[in-house]
Amino acid sequence: MDKLPISVIVITKNSEQDINKCLLSIKNNNPAEIILVDGNSTDKTIEIAHNYTDKIYFDNGRGESFARQLGAEKANQKYISYVDSDAVLTEGALSSMLFEFIDSEYISIKAIVFPGGKITNYWQWGQEQHRKFRNVENNIGTLACIFKRDTILKFQFDLSPRGLLDDSDLEYRLKKNGYKFGTSSAIVFHPHRATFKEFVKRRFKDGRGMSRFIRKNGPWHKSVWPPLHMCYWIGISLIKGKPKLIPYFIVNGTTQTAGMIKGFFEISAEAFHKNIYH
């Protein structure tokens, strides 16, 4: 069987728990190449990855944005697919995404995401309900998606340090240029593994990224203001008859707000030091 003209890019860091299933599912989808960009893992991620590819690169601590961009630059196919290191593609998922993408008007197409494994706590359940509520087609999805390689080389992920929301930033810039995003019929499984501590840590990081998104793109994008976001989703929870989700969205919103406040302080400190030393 001819290989699909796709370079699949997987970003990893200490992913030994999931990487074997992820890379096996990718291999079974028959892409032309698999590229792994690692964030200096200290576990067996690289050892496992060598069973599937010799195209392994390192971001040298520069983060996910740099890793995604590096993967695109190293790719040798017309199409690239980003697949999260804990995602598992179903059989034929890549071919479905590719052929639906080729026949579409979209700048990118993503797979439908289903939870992988059991949901074992409230925060995992909340994330899954939130995903279902957010079932919006015209948004980017880097969990399992396809772009033309030239798109990423032209528009590029933002390589700013300290955690800019690189996928949201790319989505914003592409939409400003009139592009749309699509959803394929392909299915990918993705686990919701989150304790309360992990959930808060991730949302705090997102909040810090929002501050940098606002600094770069302006304050007009409503989804990057956590209090508004929180009120909106609490309202949706009530409309949908799921008041049990309200604590989830309160924690989500307040933690992101705290992260955003810290992010603005960091930006102010950086500007102060720049003025002092330059």
C-alpha atoms as a PDB file:
ATOM      1  CA  MET A   1       0.000   0.000   0.000  1.00  0.00           C
ATOM      2  CA  ASP A   2       1.333   3.436  -0.926  1.00  0.00           C
ATOM      3  CA  LYS A   3       2.094   5.660   2.020  1.00  0.00           C
ATOM      4  CA  LEU A   4       0.033   8.791   2.596  1.00  0.00           C
ATOM      5  CA  PRO A   5       1.841  12.032   1.641  1.00  0.00           C
ATOM      6  CA  ILE A   6       1.766  13.193   5.253  1.00  0.00           C
ATOM      7  CA  SER A   7       4.494  13.985   7.766  1.00  0.00           C
ATOM      8  CA  VAL A   8       3.044  13.296  11.225  1.00  0.00           C
ATOM      9  CA  ILE A   9       4.579  15.502  13.924  1.00  0.00           C
ATOM     10  CA  VAL A  10       4.390  14.438  17.573  1.00  0.00           C
ATOM     11  CA  ILE A  11       5.511  16.780  20.366  1.00  0.00           C
ATOM     12  CA  THR A  12       6.669  14.965  23.500  1.00  0.00           C
ATOM     13  CA  LYS A  13       8.043  15.438  26.971  1.00  0.00           C
ATOM     14  CA  ASN A  14       8.157  12.535  29.441  1.00  0.00           C
ATOM     15  CA  SER A  15       5.449  10.721  27.507  1.00  0.00           C
ATOM     16  CA  GLU A  16       6.471   7.114  28.150  1.00  0.00           C
ATOM     17  CA  GLN A  17       3.038   6.268  29.526  1.00  0.00           C
ATOM     18  CA  ASP A  18       1.317   7.010  26.210  1.00  0.00           C
ATOM     19  CA  ILE A  19       3.843   7.265  23.418  1.00  0.00           C
ATOM     20  CA  ASN A  20       3.868   3.619  22.375  1.00  0.00           C
ATOM     21  CA  LYS A  21       0.104   3.510  21.750  1.00  0.00           C
ATOM     22  CA  CYS A  22       0.230   6.886  20.034  1.00  0.00           C
ATOM     23  CA  LEU A  23       3.061   6.020  17.633  1.00  0.00           C
ATOM     24  CA  LEU A  24       1.675   2.553  16.926  1.00  0.00           C
ATOM     25  CA  SER A  25      -1.669   4.073  15.930  1.00  0.00           C
ATOM     26  CA  ILE A  26       0.137   6.543  13.676  1.00  0.00           C
ATOM     27  CA  LYS A  27       2.249   3.821  12.073  1.00  0.00           C
ATOM     28  CA  ASN A  28      -0.899   1.779  11.382  1.00  0.00           C
ATOM     29  CA  ASN A  29      -2.311   4.800   9.528  1.00  0.00           C
ATOM     30  CA  ASN A  30       0.584   4.540   7.034  1.00  0.00           C
ATOM     31  CA  PRO A  31       2.005   8.083   6.781  1.00  0.00           C
ATOM     32  CA  ALA A  32       5.130   8.766   4.739  1.00  0.00           C
ATOM     33  CA  GLU A  33       7.064   9.763   7.844  1.00  0.00           C
ATOM     34  CA  ILE A  34       6.795  10.250  11.596  1.00  0.00           C
ATOM     35  CA  ILE A  35       8.670  13.145  13.183  1.00  0.00           C
ATOM     36  CA  LEU A  36       9.081  13.426  16.936  1.00  0.00           C
ATOM     37  CA  VAL A  37      10.192  16.658  18.616  1.00  0.00           C
ATOM     38  CA  ASP A  38      11.055  16.146  22.271  1.00  0.00           C
ATOM     39  CA  GLY A  39      11.311  18.618  25.133  1.00  0.00           C
ATOM     40  CA  ASN A  40      14.267  16.975  26.865  1.00  0.00           C
ATOM     41  CA  SER A  41      12.467  13.952  28.305  1.00  0.00           C
ATOM     42  CA  THR A  42      14.069  12.219  31.275  1.00  0.00           C
ATOM     43  CA  ASP A  43      12.053   8.998  31.010  1.00  0.00           C
ATOM     44  CA  LYS A  44      11.965   6.311  28.296  1.00  0.00           C
ATOM     45  CA  THR A  45      10.101   8.399  25.698  1.00  0.00           C
ATOM     46  CA  ILE A  46      13.010   8.562  23.238  1.00  0.00           C
ATOM     47  CA  GLU A  47      13.918   4.901  23.715  1.00  0.00           C
ATOM     48  CA  ILE A  48      10.348   3.891  22.831  1.00  0.00           C
ATOM     49  CA  ALA A  49      10.127   6.363  19.934  1.00  0.00           C
ATOM     50  CA  HIS A  50      13.188   4.835  18.261  1.00  0.00           C
ATOM     51  CA  ASN A  51      11.052   1.752  17.581  1.00  0.00           C
ATOM     52  CA  TYR A  52       8.930   3.859  15.207  1.00  0.00           C
ATOM     53  CA  THR A  53      11.128   6.602  13.757  1.00  0.00           C
ATOM     54  CA  ASP A  54      14.692   7.825  13.500  1.00  0.00           C
ATOM     55  CA  LYS A  55      13.516  11.368  12.814  1.00  0.00           C
ATOM     56  CA  ILE A  56      13.804  12.606  16.375  1.00  0.00           C
ATOM     57  CA  TYR A  57      14.656  16.213  17.186  1.00  0.00           C
ATOM     58  CA  PHE A  58      14.822  18.313  20.351  1.00  0.00           C
ATOM     59  CA  ASP A  59      13.409  21.714  21.221  1.00  0.00           C
ATOM     60  CA  ASN A  60      16.228  22.416  23.724  1.00  0.00           C
ATOM     61  CA  GLY A  61      13.790  23.831  26.240  1.00  0.00           C
ATOM     62  CA  ARG A  62      12.184  26.332  23.848  1.00  0.00           C
ATOM     63  CA  GLY A  63       8.680  24.914  24.250  1.00  0.00           C
ATOM     64  CA  GLU A  64       5.754  23.615  22.223  1.00  0.00           C
ATOM     65  CA  SER A  65       5.555  26.503  19.736  1.00  0.00           C
ATOM     66  CA  PHE A  66       9.163  26.040  18.719  1.00  0.00           C
ATOM     67  CA  ALA A  67       8.676  22.254  18.584  1.00  0.00           C
ATOM     68  CA  ARG A  68       5.645  22.517  16.292  1.00  0.00           C
ATOM     69  CA  GLN A  69       7.455  24.899  13.983  1.00  0.00           C
ATOM     70  CA  LEU A  70      10.610  22.784  13.959  1.00  0.00           C
ATOM     71  CA  GLY A  71       8.595  19.705  13.065  1.00  0.00           C
ATOM     72  CA  ALA A  72       7.088  21.485  10.064  1.00  0.00           C
ATOM     73  CA  GLU A  73      10.498  22.663   8.922  1.00  0.00           C
ATOM     74  CA  LYS A  74      11.926  19.149   9.147  1.00  0.00           C
ATOM     75  CA  ALA A  75       8.974  17.564   7.313  1.00  0.00           C
ATOM     76  CA  ASN A  76       9.409  16.465   3.698  1.00  0.00           C
ATOM     77  CA  GLN A  77       5.770  15.947   2.709  1.00  0.00           C
ATOM     78  CA  LYS A  78       3.208  18.342   1.244  1.00  0.00           C
ATOM     79  CA  TYR A  79       0.860  17.745   4.188  1.00  0.00           C
ATOM     80  CA  ILE A  80       1.650  17.687   7.886  1.00  0.00           C
ATOM     81  CA  SER A  81      -0.393  16.291  10.741  1.00  0.00           C
ATOM     82  CA  TYR A  82       0.019  17.285  14.366  1.00  0.00           C
ATOM     83  CA  VAL A  83      -0.936  14.481  16.757  1.00  0.00           C
ATOM     84  CA  ASP A  84      -0.727  14.813  20.551  1.00  0.00           C
ATOM     85  CA  SER A  85       1.568  12.319  22.249  1.00  0.00           C
ATOM     86  CA  ASP A  86      -1.306  10.878  24.308  1.00  0.00           C
ATOM     87  CA  ALA A  87      -3.755  10.643  21.397  1.00  0.00           C
ATOM     88  CA  VAL A  88      -4.633   7.377  19.632  1.00  0.00           C
ATOM     89  CA  LEU A  89      -5.773   7.487  16.013  1.00  0.00           C
ATOM     90  CA  THR A  90      -8.429   5.071  14.851  1.00  0.00           C
ATOM     91  CA  GLU A  91      -7.816   2.966  11.753  1.00  0.00           C
ATOM     92  CA  GLY A  92      -8.023   5.077   8.603  1.00  0.00           C
ATOM     93  CA  ALA A  93      -8.175   8.369  10.508  1.00  0.00           C
ATOM     94  CA  LEU A  94      -5.320  10.002   8.607  1.00  0.00           C
ATOM     95  CA  SER A  95      -6.611   8.997   5.191  1.00  0.00           C
ATOM     96  CA  SER A  96     -10.110  10.242   6.059  1.00  0.00           C
ATOM     97  CA  MET A  97      -8.749  13.576   7.266  1.00  0.00           C
ATOM     98  CA  LEU A  98      -6.514  13.936   4.227  1.00  0.00           C
ATOM     99  CA  PHE A  99      -9.118  13.211   1.564  1.00  0.00           C
ATOM    100  CA  GLU A 100     -11.770  15.331   3.266  1.00  0.00           C
ATOM    101  CA  PHE A 101      -9.222  18.120   3.603  1.00  0.00           C
ATOM    102  CA  ILE A 102      -8.139  17.990  -0.058  1.00  0.00           C
ATOM    103  CA  ASP A 103     -11.763  18.330  -1.212  1.00  0.00           C
ATOM    104  CA  SER A 104     -12.554  21.178   1.186  1.00  0.00           C
ATOM    105  CA  GLU A 105     -12.229  24.950   1.437  1.00  0.00           C
ATOM    106  CA  TYR A 106     -10.519  24.708   4.818  1.00  0.00           C
ATOM    107  CA  ILE A 107      -7.022  25.819   5.802  1.00  0.00           C
ATOM    108  CA  SER A 108      -6.897  22.915   8.261  1.00  0.00           C
ATOM    109  CA  ILE A 109      -9.042  19.982   9.309  1.00  0.00           C
ATOM    110  CA  LYS A 110      -9.186  18.187  12.659  1.00  0.00           C
ATOM    111  CA  ALA A 111     -10.443  14.849  13.898  1.00  0.00           C
ATOM    112  CA  ILE A 112     -13.431  14.288  16.182  1.00  0.00           C
ATOM    113  CA  VAL A 113     -12.161  13.677  19.710  1.00  0.00           C
ATOM    114  CA  PHE A 114     -13.550  11.001  22.009  1.00  0.00           C
ATOM    115  CA  PRO A 115     -12.322  10.298  25.541  1.00  0.00           C
ATOM    116  CA  GLY A 116      -9.826   7.464  25.783  1.00  0.00           C
ATOM    117  CA  GLY A 117     -10.094   5.292  28.869  1.00  0.00           C
ATOM    118  CA  LYS A 118     -12.291   5.734  31.902  1.00  0.00           C
ATOM    119  CA  ILE A 119     -13.200   9.068  33.421  1.00  0.00           C
ATOM    120  CA  THR A 120     -12.287   8.670  37.073  1.00  0.00           C
ATOM    121  CA  ASN A 121     -12.830  12.056  38.730  1.00  0.00           C
ATOM    122  CA  TYR A 122     -14.866  15.241  38.597  1.00  0.00           C
ATOM    123  CA  TRP A 123     -12.225  17.286  36.753  1.00  0.00           C
ATOM    124  CA  GLN A 124     -11.905  14.722  33.979  1.00  0.00           C
ATOM    125  CA  TRP A 125     -15.681  14.607  33.680  1.00  0.00           C
ATOM    126  CA  GLY A 126     -15.812  18.408  33.547  1.00  0.00           C
ATOM    127  CA  GLN A 127     -13.252  18.548  30.751  1.00  0.00           C
ATOM    128  CA  GLU A 128     -15.227  16.043  28.702  1.00  0.00           C
ATOM    129  CA  GLN A 129     -18.496  17.967  29.193  1.00  0.00           C
ATOM    130  CA  HIS A 130     -16.710  21.187  28.282  1.00  0.00           C
ATOM    131  CA  ARG A 131     -15.393  19.559  25.103  1.00  0.00           C
ATOM    132  CA  LYS A 132     -18.905  18.503  24.123  1.00  0.00           C
ATOM    133  CA  PHE A 133     -20.254  22.000  24.768  1.00  0.00           C
ATOM    134  CA  ARG A 134     -17.478  23.513  22.654  1.00  0.00           C
ATOM    135  CA  ASN A 135     -18.400  21.467  19.592  1.00  0.00           C
ATOM    136  CA  VAL A 136     -17.474  24.305  17.229  1.00  0.00           C
ATOM    137  CA  GLU A 137     -16.298  23.495  13.724  1.00  0.00           C
ATOM    138  CA  ASN A 138     -14.580  26.723  12.753  1.00  0.00           C
ATOM    139  CA  ASN A 139     -11.719  26.574  15.216  1.00  0.00           C
ATOM    140  CA  ILE A 140      -8.226  25.177  15.160  1.00  0.00           C
ATOM    141  CA  GLY A 141      -7.434  21.794  16.657  1.00  0.00           C
ATOM    142  CA  THR A 142      -3.831  20.688  17.049  1.00  0.00           C
ATOM    143  CA  LEU A 143      -4.639  17.508  18.989  1.00  0.00           C
ATOM    144  CA  ALA A 144      -5.054  15.605  15.696  1.00  0.00           C
ATOM    145  CA  CYS A 145      -5.202  17.692  12.547  1.00  0.00           C
ATOM    146  CA  ILE A 146      -3.839  18.258   9.042  1.00  0.00           C
ATOM    147  CA  PHE A 147      -2.370  21.389   7.454  1.00  0.00           C
ATOM    148  CA  LYS A 148      -0.515  21.992   4.265  1.00  0.00           C
ATOM    149  CA  ARG A 149       3.127  22.283   5.249  1.00  0.00           C
ATOM    150  CA  ASP A 150       3.393  25.577   3.352  1.00  0.00           C
ATOM    151  CA  THR A 151       0.718  27.101   5.591  1.00  0.00           C
ATOM    152  CA  ILE A 152       2.821  26.611   8.719  1.00  0.00           C
ATOM    153  CA  LEU A 153       5.985  27.756   6.963  1.00  0.00           C
ATOM    154  CA  LYS A 154       4.204  30.934   5.843  1.00  0.00           C
ATOM    155  CA  PHE A 155       2.192  31.882   8.939  1.00  0.00           C
ATOM    156  CA  GLN A 156       4.328  30.135  11.580  1.00  0.00           C
ATOM    157  CA  PHE A 157       3.646  29.470  15.225  1.00  0.00           C
ATOM    158  CA  ASP A 158       4.628  32.343  17.484  1.00  0.00           C
ATOM    159  CA  LEU A 159       7.993  31.583  19.050  1.00  0.00           C
ATOM    160  CA  SER A 160       7.717  34.052  21.925  1.00  0.00           C
ATOM    161  CA  PRO A 161       8.862  32.661  25.283  1.00  0.00           C
ATOM    162  CA  ARG A 162       6.710  32.129  28.382  1.00  0.00           C
ATOM    163  CA  GLY A 163       3.761  30.304  26.916  1.00  0.00           C
ATOM    164  CA  LEU A 164       1.819  32.369  24.412  1.00  0.00           C
ATOM    165  CA  LEU A 165      -1.309  30.461  23.354  1.00  0.00           C
ATOM    166  CA  ASP A 166       0.351  29.454  20.095  1.00  0.00           C
ATOM    167  CA  ASP A 167      -2.588  27.555  18.609  1.00  0.00           C
ATOM    168  CA  SER A 168      -5.057  30.336  19.479  1.00  0.00           C
ATOM    169  CA  ASP A 169      -2.658  32.907  18.084  1.00  0.00           C
ATOM    170  CA  LEU A 170      -2.305  31.007  14.811  1.00  0.00           C
ATOM    171  CA  GLU A 171      -6.091  30.558  14.617  1.00  0.00           C
ATOM    172  CA  TYR A 172      -6.614  34.283  15.174  1.00  0.00           C
ATOM    173  CA  ARG A 173      -4.169  35.272  12.417  1.00  0.00           C
ATOM    174  CA  LEU A 174      -5.548  32.758   9.928  1.00  0.00           C
ATOM    175  CA  LYS A 175      -9.129  33.863  10.560  1.00  0.00           C
ATOM    176  CA  LYS A 176      -8.072  37.493  10.048  1.00  0.00           C
ATOM    177  CA  ASN A 177      -6.928  36.389   6.602  1.00  0.00           C
ATOM    178  CA  GLY A 178     -10.325  34.855   5.868  1.00  0.00           C
ATOM    179  CA  TYR A 179      -9.504  31.188   6.400  1.00  0.00           C
ATOM    180  CA  LYS A 180     -11.782  28.579   7.967  1.00  0.00           C
ATOM    181  CA  PHE A 181     -11.203  25.362   9.884  1.00  0.00           C
ATOM    182  CA  GLY A 182     -13.062  22.118   9.416  1.00  0.00           C
ATOM    183  CA  THR A 183     -13.885  18.951  11.297  1.00  0.00           C
ATOM    184  CA  SER A 184     -13.365  15.557   9.685  1.00  0.00           C
ATOM    185  CA  SER A 185     -15.389  12.388  10.197  1.00  0.00           C
ATOM    186  CA  ALA A 186     -12.161  10.760  11.484  1.00  0.00           C
ATOM    187  CA  ILE A 187     -12.035   9.802  15.165  1.00  0.00           C
ATOM    188  CA  VAL A 188      -9.193  10.089  17.663  1.00  0.00           C
ATOM    189  CA  PHE A 189      -9.202   8.959  21.287  1.00  0.00           C
ATOM    190  CA  HIS A 190      -7.687  11.265  23.867  1.00  0.00           C
ATOM    191  CA  PRO A 191      -7.659  10.636  27.628  1.00  0.00           C
ATOM    192  CA  HIS A 192      -8.640  13.256  30.178  1.00  0.00           C
ATOM    193  CA  ARG A 193      -6.020  12.687  32.849  1.00  0.00           C
ATOM    194  CA  ALA A 194      -6.282  15.436  35.411  1.00  0.00           C
ATOM    195  CA  THR A 195      -6.270  15.645  39.166  1.00  0.00           C
ATOM    196  CA  PHE A 196      -7.435  18.904  40.706  1.00  0.00           C
ATOM    197  CA  LYS A 197      -3.789  20.013  41.041  1.00  0.00           C
ATOM    198  CA  GLU A 198      -2.987  19.209  37.409  1.00  0.00           C
ATOM    199  CA  PHE A 199      -6.154  20.925  36.205  1.00  0.00           C
ATOM    200  CA  VAL A 200      -5.344  24.119  38.122  1.00  0.00           C
ATOM    201  CA  LYS A 201      -1.713  24.103  36.959  1.00  0.00           C
ATOM    202  CA  ARG A 202      -2.749  23.835  33.322  1.00  0.00           C
ATOM    203  CA  ARG A 203      -5.404  26.538  33.539  1.00  0.00           C
ATOM    204  CA  PHE A 204      -3.006  28.879  35.340  1.00  0.00           C
ATOM    205  CA  LYS A 205      -0.512  28.383  32.508  1.00  0.00           C
ATOM    206  CA  ASP A 206      -3.266  29.109  29.972  1.00  0.00           C
ATOM    207  CA  GLY A 207      -4.054  32.346  31.796  1.00  0.00           C
ATOM    208  CA  ARG A 208      -0.442  33.479  31.557  1.00  0.00           C
ATOM    209  CA  GLY A 209      -0.577  32.726  27.849  1.00  0.00           C
ATOM    210  CA  MET A 210      -3.755  34.789  27.482  1.00  0.00           C
ATOM    211  CA  SER A 211      -1.966  37.886  28.781  1.00  0.00           C
ATOM    212  CA  ARG A 212       0.621  37.562  26.023  1.00  0.00           C
ATOM    213  CA  PHE A 213      -2.055  36.874  23.430  1.00  0.00           C
ATOM    214  CA  ILE A 214      -3.769  40.123  24.437  1.00  0.00           C
ATOM    215  CA  ARG A 215      -0.512  42.050  24.367  1.00  0.00           C
ATOM    216  CA  LYS A 216       0.162  40.881  20.825  1.00  0.00           C
ATOM    217  CA  ASN A 217      -3.300  40.819  19.260  1.00  0.00           C
ATOM    218  CA  GLY A 218      -5.318  43.290  21.306  1.00  0.00           C
ATOM    219  CA  PRO A 219      -8.053  42.889  23.939  1.00  0.00           C
ATOM    220  CA  TRP A 220     -10.990  42.347  21.593  1.00  0.00           C
ATOM    221  CA  HIS A 221     -11.082  38.555  21.503  1.00  0.00           C
ATOM    222  CA  LYS A 222     -13.745  37.701  24.102  1.00  0.00           C
ATOM    223  CA  SER A 223     -12.564  34.129  24.677  1.00  0.00           C
ATOM    224  CA  VAL A 224      -9.301  35.312  26.244  1.00  0.00           C
ATOM    225  CA  TRP A 225     -11.021  37.154  29.086  1.00  0.00           C
ATOM    226  CA  PRO A 226     -11.622  34.413  31.691  1.00  0.00           C
ATOM    227  CA  PRO A 227     -14.337  36.149  33.760  1.00  0.00           C
ATOM    228  CA  LEU A 228     -16.508  36.600  30.653  1.00  0.00           C
ATOM    229  CA  HIS A 229     -15.706  33.078  29.577  1.00  0.00           C
ATOM    230  CA  MET A 230     -16.661  31.748  33.030  1.00  0.00           C
ATOM    231  CA  CYS A 231     -20.006  33.561  33.091  1.00  0.00           C
ATOM    232  CA  TYR A 232     -20.833  32.362  29.588  1.00  0.00           C
ATOM    233  CA  TRP A 233     -20.171  28.699  30.409  1.00  0.00           C
ATOM    234  CA  ILE A 234     -22.010  28.860  33.722  1.00  0.00           C
ATOM    235  CA  GLY A 235     -24.990  30.128  31.737  1.00  0.00           C
ATOM    236  CA  ILE A 236     -24.626  27.295  29.229  1.00  0.00           C
ATOM    237  CA  SER A 237     -24.446  24.788  32.111  1.00  0.00           C
ATOM    238  CA  LEU A 238     -27.764  26.056  33.455  1.00  0.00           C
ATOM    239  CA  ILE A 239     -29.390  26.069  30.015  1.00  0.00           C
ATOM    240  CA  LYS A 240     -28.175  22.500  29.402  1.00  0.00           C
ATOM    241  CA  GLY A 241     -29.477  21.378  32.791  1.00  0.00           C
ATOM    242  CA  LYS A 242     -26.022  20.558  34.184  1.00  0.00           C
ATOM    243  CA  PRO A 243     -25.530  22.777  37.248  1.00  0.00           C
ATOM    244  CA  LYS A 244     -23.001  20.238  38.521  1.00  0.00           C
ATOM    245  CA  LEU A 245     -20.552  21.834  36.065  1.00  0.00           C
ATOM    246  CA  ILE A 246     -20.682  25.252  37.755  1.00  0.00           C
ATOM    247  CA  PRO A 247     -17.787  24.555  40.215  1.00  0.00           C
ATOM    248  CA  TYR A 248     -15.712  23.322  37.267  1.00  0.00           C
ATOM    249  CA  PHE A 249     -16.183  26.572  35.368  1.00  0.00           C
ATOM    250  CA  ILE A 250     -15.640  28.693  38.494  1.00  0.00           C
ATOM    251  CA  VAL A 251     -12.284  27.016  39.156  1.00  0.00           C
ATOM    252  CA  ASN A 252     -11.441  27.153  35.459  1.00  0.00           C
ATOM    253  CA  GLY A 253     -12.211  30.869  35.204  1.00  0.00           C
ATOM    254  CA  THR A 254     -10.687  32.055  38.480  1.00  0.00           C
ATOM    255  CA  THR A 255      -7.475  30.077  37.925  1.00  0.00           C
ATOM    256  CA  GLN A 256      -7.084  31.446  34.400  1.00  0.00           C
ATOM    257  CA  THR A 257      -7.725  34.956  35.735  1.00  0.00           C
ATOM    258  CA  ALA A 258      -4.986  34.507  38.329  1.00  0.00           C
ATOM    259  CA  GLY A 259      -2.631  33.272  35.632  1.00  0.00           C
ATOM    260  CA  MET A 260      -3.502  36.243  33.419  1.00  0.00           C
ATOM    261  CA  ILE A 261      -2.782  38.700  36.246  1.00  0.00           C
ATOM    262  CA  LYS A 262       0.598  37.061  36.829  1.00  0.00           C
ATOM    263  CA  GLY A 263       1.251  37.193  33.094  1.00  0.00           C
ATOM    264  CA  PHE A 264       0.598  40.939  32.968  1.00  0.00           C
ATOM    265  CA  PHE A 265       2.969  41.469  35.909  1.00  0.00           C
ATOM    266  CA  GLU A 266       5.613  39.442  34.060  1.00  0.00           C
ATOM    267  CA  ILE A 267       5.131  41.519  30.914  1.00  0.00           C
ATOM    268  CA  SER A 268       5.436  44.747  32.928  1.00  0.00           C
ATOM    269  CA  ALA A 269       8.610  43.488  34.623  1.00  0.00           C
ATOM    270  CA  GLU A 270      10.117  42.534  31.276  1.00  0.00           C
ATOM    271  CA  ALA A 271       9.336  45.969  29.846  1.00  0.00           C
ATOM    272  CA  PHE A 272      10.855  47.651  32.925  1.00  0.00           C
ATOM    273  CA  HIS A 273      14.087  45.655  32.681  1.00  0.00           C
ATOM    274  CA  LYS A 274      14.269  46.297  28.949  1.00  0.00           C
ATOM    275  CA  ASN A 275      14.009  50.035  29.513  1.00  0.00           C
ATOM    276  CA  ILE A 276      16.603  49.950  32.292  1.00  0.00           C
ATOM    277  CA  TYR A 277      19.220  47.935  30.419  1.00  0.00           C
ATOM    278  CA  HIS A 278      18.602  49.230  26.914  1.00  0.00           C
END
